[in-house]
Protein backbone atom coordinates (compact mmCIF):
# COMPACT_ATOMS: atom_id res chain seq x y z
CA MET A 1 246.87 16.82 33.05
CA LEU A 2 250.24 15.33 33.98
CA PRO A 3 248.82 12.19 35.64
CA PHE A 4 247.03 11.32 32.41
CA LEU A 5 250.43 10.57 30.89
CA PHE A 6 250.82 7.73 33.35
CA ILE A 7 247.46 6.79 34.81
CA PHE A 8 245.83 4.93 31.93
CA PRO A 9 248.85 2.82 30.98
CA LEU A 10 249.44 2.14 34.68
CA PHE A 11 245.85 1.05 35.23
CA PHE A 12 245.66 -1.16 32.14
CA GLY A 13 249.14 -2.58 32.77
CA PHE A 14 248.38 -3.68 36.33
CA ALA A 15 244.95 -4.98 35.28
CA GLY A 16 246.58 -7.18 32.62
CA LYS A 17 244.71 -5.52 29.74
CA LYS A 18 247.49 -5.68 27.14
CA LYS A 19 245.50 -4.33 24.19
CA LEU A 20 244.13 -1.39 26.17
CA PHE A 21 247.59 -0.76 27.58
CA ALA A 22 249.08 -0.61 24.06
CA PHE A 23 246.18 1.55 22.82
CA SER A 24 246.57 4.04 25.69
CA VAL A 25 250.34 4.31 25.14
CA GLY A 26 249.76 4.84 21.41
CA MET A 27 247.14 7.54 22.01
CA GLU A 28 249.44 9.31 24.45
CA ILE A 29 252.29 9.26 21.95
CA LEU A 30 249.95 10.77 19.34
CA ALA A 31 248.80 13.41 21.85
CA LEU A 32 252.41 14.23 22.71
CA ILE A 33 253.28 14.65 19.02
CA LEU A 34 250.22 16.89 18.59
CA VAL A 35 251.15 19.07 21.61
CA LEU A 36 254.77 19.33 20.49
CA SER A 37 253.64 20.29 16.99
CA PHE A 38 251.07 22.81 18.22
CA PRO A 39 252.13 24.10 21.67
CA GLU A 40 249.28 26.63 21.71
CA ILE A 41 246.95 23.70 22.51
CA ILE A 42 248.14 23.94 26.12
CA PRO A 43 248.70 27.65 26.72
CA ARG A 44 250.06 27.25 30.26
CA GLY A 45 252.63 24.72 29.11
CA SER A 46 255.17 27.38 28.20
CA ASN A 47 254.22 29.83 30.98
CA LEU A 48 256.79 29.53 33.76
CA SER A 49 255.12 32.12 36.01
CA THR A 50 253.05 29.42 37.72
CA LEU A 51 256.20 27.41 38.40
CA PHE A 52 257.94 30.45 39.89
CA SER A 53 254.95 31.17 42.14
CA ARG A 54 255.00 27.52 43.29
CA ILE A 55 258.67 27.85 44.20
CA LYS A 56 257.89 30.95 46.29
CA ILE A 57 255.10 29.06 48.07
CA TRP A 58 257.37 26.06 48.70
CA ASP A 59 260.08 28.35 50.12
CA GLY A 60 257.52 29.82 52.52
CA ALA A 61 256.38 26.35 53.56
CA VAL A 62 259.97 25.36 54.35
CA VAL A 63 260.26 28.39 56.67
CA LEU A 64 257.06 27.30 58.46
CA ILE A 65 258.40 23.75 58.82
CA GLN A 66 261.59 25.09 60.36
CA MET A 67 259.56 27.05 62.90
CA HIS A 68 257.72 23.97 64.24
CA PRO A 69 259.39 20.84 62.82
CA LEU A 70 258.08 18.17 65.20
CA PHE A 71 254.33 18.80 65.45
CA GLY A 72 253.61 21.48 62.84
CA MET A 73 251.13 24.28 63.38
CA GLY A 74 247.76 22.63 62.65
CA PRO A 75 245.66 22.05 59.53
CA VAL A 76 246.02 24.44 56.59
CA THR A 77 248.91 26.28 58.25
CA TYR A 78 250.17 27.88 55.05
CA GLY A 79 246.76 29.33 54.23
CA PHE A 80 246.57 30.94 57.66
CA MET A 81 250.18 32.14 57.85
CA TYR A 82 251.10 33.48 54.38
CA GLY A 83 249.76 36.97 55.11
CA THR A 84 251.40 37.27 58.51
CA MET A 85 254.75 36.00 57.24
CA GLY A 86 254.69 37.90 53.92
CA PHE A 87 254.74 34.74 51.78
CA HIS A 88 253.18 34.31 48.36
CA LYS A 89 249.38 34.18 48.66
CA ALA A 90 247.97 30.64 48.51
CA PRO A 91 245.39 28.60 50.41
CA HIS A 92 247.84 25.73 50.96
CA ALA A 93 251.48 24.78 50.38
CA HIS A 94 250.86 23.36 46.87
CA ASN A 95 252.78 20.21 47.73
CA LEU A 96 251.37 17.28 49.68
CA LEU A 97 254.56 16.59 51.62
CA LEU A 98 255.19 20.25 52.48
CA GLU A 99 251.54 20.72 53.43
CA SER A 100 251.68 17.72 55.74
CA LEU A 101 254.94 18.85 57.34
CA THR A 102 253.71 22.43 57.90
CA SER A 103 250.42 21.23 59.32
CA TYR A 104 251.39 18.10 61.28
CA GLY A 105 255.19 18.18 61.54
CA LEU A 106 257.50 15.18 61.38
CA VAL A 107 255.55 13.25 63.99
CA GLY A 108 252.17 13.61 62.30
CA THR A 109 253.56 13.08 58.81
CA THR A 110 255.30 9.89 59.98
CA LEU A 111 252.04 8.59 61.47
CA ILE A 112 250.11 9.42 58.28
CA THR A 113 252.81 7.78 56.14
CA GLY A 114 252.72 4.66 58.34
CA TYR A 115 248.97 4.45 57.88
CA PHE A 116 249.29 4.60 54.09
CA VAL A 117 252.11 2.04 54.08
CA THR A 118 249.74 -0.29 55.95
CA LEU A 119 246.99 0.37 53.38
CA ILE A 120 249.35 -0.27 50.47
CA ARG A 121 250.40 -3.59 52.02
CA GLU A 122 246.75 -4.53 52.37
CA THR A 123 246.14 -3.50 48.77
CA MET A 124 249.02 -5.71 47.62
CA GLY A 125 247.14 -8.64 49.16
CA ILE A 126 244.32 -8.37 46.62
CA MET A 127 246.56 -8.02 43.55
CA GLN A 128 246.24 -11.62 42.34
CA GLU A 129 242.56 -12.20 43.07
CA HIS A 130 241.21 -8.78 42.07
CA PRO A 131 243.58 -7.20 39.54
CA THR A 132 241.14 -4.53 38.31
CA THR A 133 240.36 -3.31 41.81
CA PHE A 134 244.06 -3.40 42.63
CA SER A 135 244.79 -1.33 39.50
CA LEU A 136 242.14 1.22 40.43
CA ILE A 137 243.50 1.69 43.94
CA ILE A 138 247.14 1.90 42.81
CA SER A 139 246.14 4.37 40.08
CA PHE A 140 244.44 6.55 42.68
CA TYR A 141 247.57 6.48 44.83
CA PHE A 142 249.77 7.36 41.88
CA THR A 143 247.52 10.21 40.77
CA ALA A 144 247.43 11.67 44.28
CA LEU A 145 251.21 11.34 44.53
CA VAL A 146 251.94 13.05 41.20
CA LEU A 147 249.43 15.84 41.79
CA GLY A 148 250.39 16.12 45.44
CA LEU A 149 254.06 16.65 44.74
CA LEU A 150 253.50 19.22 42.00
CA ASP A 151 250.53 21.31 43.01
CA PHE A 152 247.50 19.71 44.55
CA THR A 153 246.67 19.03 48.15
CA LEU A 154 243.98 16.54 49.10
CA ASN A 155 241.55 19.06 50.54
CA PHE A 156 238.53 17.89 52.44
CA PRO A 157 235.75 17.11 52.12
CA VAL A 158 235.35 16.05 48.49
CA THR A 159 238.78 15.04 47.18
CA GLY A 160 240.17 13.92 50.52
CA ILE A 161 237.22 11.72 51.42
CA THR A 162 237.04 10.24 47.92
CA PHE A 163 240.74 9.41 48.07
CA LEU A 164 240.40 7.84 51.51
CA MET A 165 237.41 5.75 50.39
CA VAL A 166 239.34 4.32 47.45
CA ALA A 167 242.57 3.92 49.45
CA ASN A 168 240.70 1.86 52.04
CA ALA A 169 238.69 -0.14 49.49
CA SER A 170 240.93 -3.20 49.46
CA CYS A 171 239.51 -4.33 52.81
CA MET A 172 236.18 -5.01 51.06
CA TRP A 173 237.80 -7.69 48.93
CA LYS A 174 239.89 -9.41 51.57
CA GLN A 175 238.48 -12.73 52.60
CA PRO A 176 237.96 -13.10 56.34
CA VAL A 177 240.08 -15.71 58.06
CA THR A 178 237.86 -18.59 59.08
CA GLN A 179 238.39 -20.06 62.49
CA PRO A 180 238.19 -23.84 62.90
CA ALA A 181 235.05 -24.97 64.69
CA ALA A 182 235.53 -25.77 68.35
CA THR A 183 235.14 -29.43 69.14
CA ALA A 184 232.82 -30.51 71.90
CA ALA A 185 234.65 -32.10 74.80
């Protein structure tokens, strides 16, 4: 639920929808007041056991990164290694950066990061002409980043492929460069 605090205002703000931006901020302030007044609405909000289990998982992922820092140990390393190493049971590292580093190491994570930097630059190119599409793509990136750093890994096929489709969507709106016609000699 954490991305909802940011995603709607972010989307409406980048899209230039001032009234919807103000409405979403107002609704989130009301929701925050409601949750603070009645914390039982979100029962896991005060339960720190999930946070402590995440910290144990992250500690285990750091050990795996130290074992093979350059190239990692392959996809879903944490899920395969937690039993052998005596780490907290989990299918993945519960952090996008740690999952990438355990699976692909510094080299692979750098290549993946470079790819997404290229996509973000391409997305920036459609900001003026297609603000709603730009807002959608940036909102997807932000949601994946917030969830990825706290808990969620972009597992394939459903969430990973959906994310990659949206992340690569800006190329559909880029206008092709027209070449001048060759003159007959």
